[in-house]
């Protein structure tokens, strides 16, 4: 895994080397160098390799996934007014919002350019999947924005939102590897399904850690979802408990974004209610459920058992952030 990660990082630095104008490209290099697990590009490389093709053939697709993912983070941070990304200043805080918007736009275009190295038929298949996924991510982001001001969001609506905003890109990363390796559509759909399940578990864990994570290791502002009144799975499962619904709804109708003292008190009280209502435990149960589904899907894949074992270990390691 570390060899694949380093191979990808070396290629990313080589591929994304634009310099001028510096006001456009410095923020691009900045956000790409902030670190992170590089989950999505690694999944593209792993999928390609496990299906019997060389990693080199999927490096451009992996760069496309990573650049696009970071573009979405850059714009999400502006929309969420987030101050931190992976423990460092967000682009709009370090520069300004206009720079963040324009640099993000450039990243989207750069991601699409990565597919130009592929032969026409493969280019078409990759581009078709990527375009579908990119639009779904935008749909998920809009649902996320809409839910901030709605008090009637359902669990099913929320699960659809995180599927679109997060999981489809994980599924896309894996399916692109299968496309590059020449696997049939039926197999592409199986590994895509694994990506959806893994992505759902990952996002639900992210929601949980937003409230209960360690600020030193989480890399983002802990309690940011509470500050933004986001109706996460954690919140929705907590208001299922009638003893806590009125107070939680009242707290999530208040806007303390510009009042740090009140904001801190709100975050701490909401966290207490998440625990006391049982919402925190129900979120952990859902994370385990999606993780187990992902593990079962791995068993159905048409690849060597040793590769399945690696995928399972990768999934387990990814889900270990809570422990």
Protein backbone atom coordinates (compact mmCIF):
# COMPACT_ATOMS: atom_id res chain seq x y z
CA UNK A 1 0.00 0.00 0.00
CA UNK A 2 2.76 2.44 0.86
CA UNK A 3 4.54 1.66 -2.41
CA UNK A 4 1.34 2.40 -4.35
CA UNK A 5 0.78 5.59 -2.40
CA UNK A 6 4.30 6.84 -3.06
CA UNK A 7 4.09 5.91 -6.74
CA UNK A 8 0.86 7.88 -6.98
CA UNK A 9 2.24 10.92 -5.12
CA UNK A 10 5.31 11.05 -7.37
CA UNK A 11 3.10 10.91 -10.45
CA UNK A 12 0.68 13.51 -9.05
CA UNK A 13 3.53 15.97 -8.53
CA UNK A 14 4.75 15.35 -12.06
CA UNK A 15 1.28 15.58 -13.63
CA UNK A 16 0.02 18.66 -11.79
CA UNK A 17 2.97 20.97 -12.35
CA UNK A 18 1.29 24.17 -13.59
CA UNK A 19 2.95 27.27 -12.13
CA UNK A 20 1.68 30.48 -13.74
CA UNK A 21 -0.27 32.49 -12.88
CA UNK A 22 0.76 31.67 -9.33
CA UNK A 23 -2.44 33.17 -7.93
CA UNK A 24 -4.39 30.42 -9.68
CA UNK A 25 -2.07 27.44 -9.21
CA UNK A 26 -0.50 28.02 -5.77
CA UNK A 27 -3.82 27.16 -4.05
CA UNK A 28 -4.10 24.04 -6.23
CA UNK A 29 -0.68 22.79 -5.13
CA UNK A 30 -1.44 23.80 -1.55
CA UNK A 31 -4.61 21.73 -1.18
CA UNK A 32 -3.13 18.75 -3.06
CA UNK A 33 -0.14 18.75 -0.69
CA UNK A 34 -2.20 18.88 2.52
CA UNK A 35 -2.04 15.11 2.76
CA UNK A 36 -4.95 12.83 3.55
CA UNK A 37 -5.28 9.10 3.05
CA UNK A 38 -5.43 9.36 -0.78
CA UNK A 39 -8.21 6.80 -0.47
CA UNK A 40 -9.83 7.27 -3.86
CA UNK A 41 -6.75 7.19 -6.12
CA UNK A 42 -5.39 4.23 -4.18
CA UNK A 43 -8.62 2.35 -4.81
CA UNK A 44 -8.30 3.00 -8.55
CA UNK A 45 -4.72 1.69 -8.54
CA UNK A 46 -5.62 -1.30 -6.35
CA UNK A 47 -8.61 -2.23 -8.47
CA UNK A 48 -6.56 -2.08 -11.67
CA UNK A 49 -3.78 -4.19 -10.18
CA UNK A 50 -6.06 -6.75 -8.56
CA UNK A 51 -7.84 -7.28 -11.86
CA UNK A 52 -4.55 -8.08 -13.56
CA UNK A 53 -3.51 -4.83 -15.26
CA UNK A 54 -0.43 -2.72 -14.56
CA UNK A 55 -0.77 0.19 -12.16
CA UNK A 56 0.88 2.55 -14.65
CA UNK A 57 -2.17 2.38 -16.92
CA UNK A 58 -4.43 3.78 -14.21
CA UNK A 59 -2.25 6.59 -12.86
CA UNK A 60 -3.95 9.26 -14.97
CA UNK A 61 -7.41 8.10 -13.84
CA UNK A 62 -6.20 8.09 -10.24
CA UNK A 63 -4.95 11.67 -10.58
CA UNK A 64 -8.33 12.68 -12.06
CA UNK A 65 -10.13 11.24 -9.04
CA UNK A 66 -7.82 12.92 -6.53
CA UNK A 67 -7.85 16.33 -8.22
CA UNK A 68 -11.64 16.24 -8.55
CA UNK A 69 -12.07 15.15 -4.92
CA UNK A 70 -9.90 18.01 -3.70
CA UNK A 71 -11.79 20.45 -5.93
CA UNK A 72 -14.99 19.43 -4.14
CA UNK A 73 -13.31 19.88 -0.75
CA UNK A 74 -12.09 23.34 -1.71
CA UNK A 75 -15.59 24.48 -2.71
CA UNK A 76 -17.26 22.66 0.21
CA UNK A 77 -15.00 24.54 2.63
CA UNK A 78 -16.10 27.86 1.14
CA UNK A 79 -19.77 26.89 1.36
CA UNK A 80 -19.36 25.62 4.94
CA UNK A 81 -17.19 28.57 6.03
CA UNK A 82 -14.72 25.99 7.37
CA UNK A 83 -11.46 27.27 8.82
CA UNK A 84 -9.49 24.01 8.80
CA UNK A 85 -8.83 21.24 6.30
CA UNK A 86 -6.57 18.37 7.40
CA UNK A 87 -5.41 20.51 10.30
CA UNK A 88 -4.32 23.44 8.12
CA UNK A 89 -5.93 26.66 6.91
CA UNK A 90 -8.51 26.18 4.19
CA UNK A 91 -7.77 27.79 0.83
CA UNK A 92 -10.34 30.56 1.23
CA UNK A 93 -8.88 31.43 4.66
CA UNK A 94 -5.29 31.44 3.42
CA UNK A 95 -6.15 33.39 0.25
CA UNK A 96 -9.79 34.43 -0.24
CA UNK A 97 -13.10 33.03 -1.44
CA UNK A 98 -12.73 34.31 -5.01
CA UNK A 99 -9.35 32.62 -5.34
CA UNK A 100 -10.81 29.42 -3.91
CA UNK A 101 -13.66 29.41 -6.44
CA UNK A 102 -11.40 30.02 -9.43
CA UNK A 103 -8.69 27.57 -8.38
CA UNK A 104 -11.40 24.97 -7.78
CA UNK A 105 -12.78 25.55 -11.26
CA UNK A 106 -9.30 25.01 -12.69
CA UNK A 107 -8.98 21.74 -10.76
CA UNK A 108 -12.22 20.43 -12.26
CA UNK A 109 -10.90 21.10 -15.78
CA UNK A 110 -7.51 19.56 -14.94
CA UNK A 111 -9.24 16.41 -13.71
CA UNK A 112 -11.01 15.93 -17.04
CA UNK A 113 -7.78 16.53 -18.97
CA UNK A 114 -6.26 13.48 -17.28
CA UNK A 115 -8.45 11.15 -19.36
CA UNK A 116 -6.98 12.41 -22.65
CA UNK A 117 -4.16 9.86 -22.41
CA UNK A 118 -6.57 6.93 -22.92
CA UNK A 119 -7.60 5.35 -26.22
CA UNK A 120 -11.00 6.53 -27.59
CA UNK A 121 -13.18 3.65 -26.35
CA UNK A 122 -11.66 3.63 -22.88
CA UNK A 123 -11.71 7.42 -22.79
CA UNK A 124 -15.44 7.31 -23.54
CA UNK A 125 -16.17 4.72 -20.84
CA UNK A 126 -14.10 6.48 -18.20
CA UNK A 127 -15.47 9.90 -19.09
CA UNK A 128 -19.05 8.65 -19.07
CA UNK A 129 -18.67 7.18 -15.57
CA UNK A 130 -16.73 10.19 -14.27
CA UNK A 131 -19.22 12.75 -15.65
CA UNK A 132 -22.17 10.85 -14.16
CA UNK A 133 -20.37 10.71 -10.83
CA UNK A 134 -19.36 14.39 -10.88
CA UNK A 135 -22.96 15.47 -11.44
CA UNK A 136 -24.17 13.15 -8.66
CA UNK A 137 -21.64 14.73 -6.27
CA UNK A 138 -23.09 18.16 -7.10
CA UNK A 139 -26.60 16.82 -6.47
CA UNK A 140 -25.46 15.47 -3.11
CA UNK A 141 -23.92 18.80 -2.19
CA UNK A 142 -27.17 20.62 -3.01
CA UNK A 143 -29.16 18.21 -0.85
CA UNK A 144 -26.65 18.88 1.93
CA UNK A 145 -27.21 22.62 1.61
CA UNK A 146 -31.00 22.22 1.46
CA UNK A 147 -31.03 20.08 4.60
CA UNK A 148 -29.39 22.82 6.69
CA UNK A 149 -32.63 24.85 6.68
CA UNK A 150 -35.11 21.96 6.70
CA UNK A 151 -36.41 20.49 9.94
CA UNK A 152 -38.17 17.53 8.30
CA UNK A 153 -35.22 15.65 6.77
CA UNK A 154 -35.73 11.87 6.88
CA UNK A 155 -33.12 9.16 7.40
CA UNK A 156 -33.70 7.88 3.85
CA UNK A 157 -33.15 11.37 2.41
CA UNK A 158 -29.97 11.74 4.40
CA UNK A 159 -28.62 8.36 3.28
CA UNK A 160 -29.30 9.31 -0.34
CA UNK A 161 -27.45 12.58 0.16
CA UNK A 162 -24.29 10.96 1.54
CA UNK A 163 -24.42 8.29 -1.16
CA UNK A 164 -24.36 11.02 -3.80
CA UNK A 165 -21.95 13.35 -2.04
CA UNK A 166 -19.41 10.76 -0.91
CA UNK A 167 -20.02 7.13 -1.84
CA UNK A 168 -20.45 7.44 -5.61
CA UNK A 169 -16.91 8.83 -5.96
CA UNK A 170 -15.50 5.84 -4.06
CA UNK A 171 -17.50 3.49 -6.31
CA UNK A 172 -16.30 5.41 -9.37
CA UNK A 173 -12.66 5.09 -8.30
CA UNK A 174 -12.97 1.32 -8.05
CA UNK A 175 -14.98 0.89 -11.23
CA UNK A 176 -12.46 2.92 -13.23
CA UNK A 177 -9.81 0.37 -12.27
CA UNK A 178 -12.07 -2.43 -13.52
CA UNK A 179 -12.68 -0.54 -16.79
CA UNK A 180 -8.96 -0.05 -17.37
CA UNK A 181 -8.37 -3.76 -16.66
CA UNK A 182 -11.01 -4.69 -19.26
CA UNK A 183 -13.44 -6.38 -16.87
CA UNK A 184 -17.06 -6.97 -18.00
CA UNK A 185 -19.88 -4.68 -16.93
CA UNK A 186 -21.20 -7.22 -14.42
CA UNK A 187 -17.90 -7.23 -12.55
CA UNK A 188 -17.62 -3.45 -12.76
CA UNK A 189 -21.01 -3.22 -11.06
CA UNK A 190 -19.93 -5.53 -8.24
CA UNK A 191 -16.85 -3.54 -7.34
CA UNK A 192 -18.83 -0.32 -7.69
CA UNK A 193 -21.31 -1.72 -5.13
CA UNK A 194 -18.43 -2.45 -2.76
CA UNK A 195 -17.34 1.17 -3.15
CA UNK A 196 -20.82 2.46 -2.36
CA UNK A 197 -21.00 0.38 0.83
CA UNK A 198 -17.49 1.36 1.92
CA UNK A 199 -18.23 5.01 1.16
CA UNK A 200 -21.42 4.94 3.23
CA UNK A 201 -19.57 3.49 6.21
CA UNK A 202 -16.78 6.04 5.76
CA UNK A 203 -19.15 9.02 5.63
CA UNK A 204 -21.21 7.87 8.62
CA UNK A 205 -17.96 7.52 10.52
CA UNK A 206 -16.98 11.03 9.42
CA UNK A 207 -20.30 12.30 10.81
CA UNK A 208 -19.64 10.53 14.09
CA UNK A 209 -16.08 11.86 14.33
CA UNK A 210 -17.26 15.38 13.55
CA UNK A 211 -18.91 15.32 16.97
CA UNK A 212 -16.69 12.92 18.91
CA UNK A 213 -13.33 12.93 17.11
CA UNK A 214 -9.98 14.13 18.39
CA UNK A 215 -9.19 17.59 16.93
CA UNK A 216 -5.52 16.59 16.64
CA UNK A 217 -6.22 13.60 14.39
CA UNK A 218 -9.56 14.48 12.77
CA UNK A 219 -8.00 17.26 10.69
CA UNK A 220 -11.14 19.38 10.55
CA UNK A 221 -13.04 21.49 13.04
CA UNK A 222 -14.72 19.13 15.49
CA UNK A 223 -18.36 20.11 15.79
CA UNK A 224 -18.51 21.80 12.40
CA UNK A 225 -21.70 19.93 11.47
CA UNK A 226 -23.32 21.08 14.71
CA UNK A 227 -22.26 24.67 14.06
CA UNK A 228 -23.82 24.48 10.58
CA UNK A 229 -27.02 22.81 11.91
CA UNK A 230 -26.52 19.82 9.61
CA UNK A 231 -29.12 17.09 9.96
CA UNK A 232 -26.67 14.19 10.02
CA UNK A 233 -27.50 10.55 10.67
CA UNK A 234 -26.31 11.18 14.23
CA UNK A 235 -28.87 13.96 14.65
CA UNK A 236 -31.71 12.11 12.91
CA UNK A 237 -31.25 9.00 15.03
CA UNK A 238 -31.06 11.14 18.17
CA UNK A 239 -34.39 12.88 17.55
CA UNK A 240 -36.03 9.46 17.22
CA UNK A 241 -35.99 9.55 21.01
CA UNK A 242 -39.01 11.62 22.07
CA UNK A 243 -37.34 12.64 25.32
CA UNK A 244 -34.72 14.67 23.44
CA UNK A 245 -36.41 15.77 20.22
CA UNK A 246 -37.65 19.20 21.38
CA UNK A 247 -34.34 20.37 22.81
CA UNK A 248 -32.34 19.10 19.84
CA UNK A 249 -34.65 20.77 17.33
CA UNK A 250 -34.45 24.00 19.30
CA UNK A 251 -30.64 23.89 19.36
CA UNK A 252 -30.52 23.15 15.64
CA UNK A 253 -32.72 26.16 14.89
CA UNK A 254 -30.14 28.52 16.44
CA UNK A 255 -27.33 30.19 14.51
CA UNK A 256 -24.29 30.84 16.69
CA UNK A 257 -21.71 30.82 13.89
CA UNK A 258 -20.47 34.31 14.81
CA UNK A 259 -20.61 33.87 18.59
CA UNK A 260 -17.78 31.57 19.70
CA UNK A 261 -18.83 31.26 23.35
CA UNK A 262 -22.42 30.29 22.60
CA UNK A 263 -21.20 28.06 19.79
CA UNK A 264 -19.01 26.06 22.18
CA UNK A 265 -21.84 25.63 24.70
CA UNK A 266 -24.18 24.49 21.93
CA UNK A 267 -21.68 21.91 20.64
CA UNK A 268 -21.11 20.42 24.09
CA UNK A 269 -24.82 20.19 24.89
CA UNK A 270 -25.65 18.63 21.53
CA UNK A 271 -22.95 16.00 22.04
CA UNK A 272 -24.44 15.11 25.42
CA UNK A 273 -27.86 14.72 23.83
CA UNK A 274 -26.44 12.57 21.01
CA UNK A 275 -25.07 10.16 23.63
CA UNK A 276 -28.01 10.21 26.04
CA UNK A 277 -30.60 9.72 23.29
CA UNK A 278 -28.85 6.64 21.92
CA UNK A 279 -28.16 8.34 18.59
CA UNK A 280 -24.40 7.91 18.95
CA UNK A 281 -24.68 4.15 19.46
CA UNK A 282 -27.14 3.76 16.57
CA UNK A 283 -24.70 5.57 14.30
CA UNK A 284 -21.92 3.16 15.29
CA UNK A 285 -24.27 0.26 14.55
CA UNK A 286 -24.97 1.65 11.06
CA UNK A 287 -21.24 2.02 10.40
CA UNK A 288 -20.72 -1.64 11.29
CA UNK A 289 -23.68 -2.68 9.11
CA UNK A 290 -22.32 -0.97 5.98
CA UNK A 291 -18.80 -2.21 6.69
CA UNK A 292 -20.08 -5.80 6.93
CA UNK A 293 -21.97 -5.40 3.65
CA UNK A 294 -18.77 -4.21 1.99
CA UNK A 295 -16.89 -7.24 3.31
CA UNK A 296 -19.52 -9.63 1.90
CA UNK A 297 -19.38 -7.94 -1.49
CA UNK A 298 -15.61 -8.46 -1.59
CA UNK A 299 -16.25 -12.22 -1.34
CA UNK A 300 -18.28 -12.09 -4.58
CA UNK A 301 -15.57 -10.37 -6.65
CA UNK A 302 -13.84 -12.17 -9.52
CA UNK A 303 -10.28 -11.86 -8.26
CA UNK A 304 -7.70 -13.95 -6.45
CA UNK A 305 -8.31 -14.71 -2.78
CA UNK A 306 -5.07 -12.95 -1.83
CA UNK A 307 -6.38 -9.76 -3.42
CA UNK A 308 -9.69 -10.09 -1.58
CA UNK A 309 -7.75 -10.37 1.66
CA UNK A 310 -5.88 -7.16 0.87
CA UNK A 311 -9.15 -5.33 0.15
CA UNK A 312 -10.62 -6.57 3.43
CA UNK A 313 -7.55 -5.43 5.35
CA UNK A 314 -7.72 -2.06 3.60
CA UNK A 315 -11.39 -1.72 4.62
CA UNK A 316 -10.67 -2.69 8.22
CA UNK A 317 -7.81 -0.20 8.46
CA UNK A 318 -9.98 2.55 7.01
CA UNK A 319 -12.72 1.86 9.55
CA UNK A 320 -10.31 1.86 12.51
CA UNK A 321 -10.42 5.63 13.06
CA UNK A 322 -13.02 5.31 15.83
CA UNK A 323 -11.11 2.85 18.00
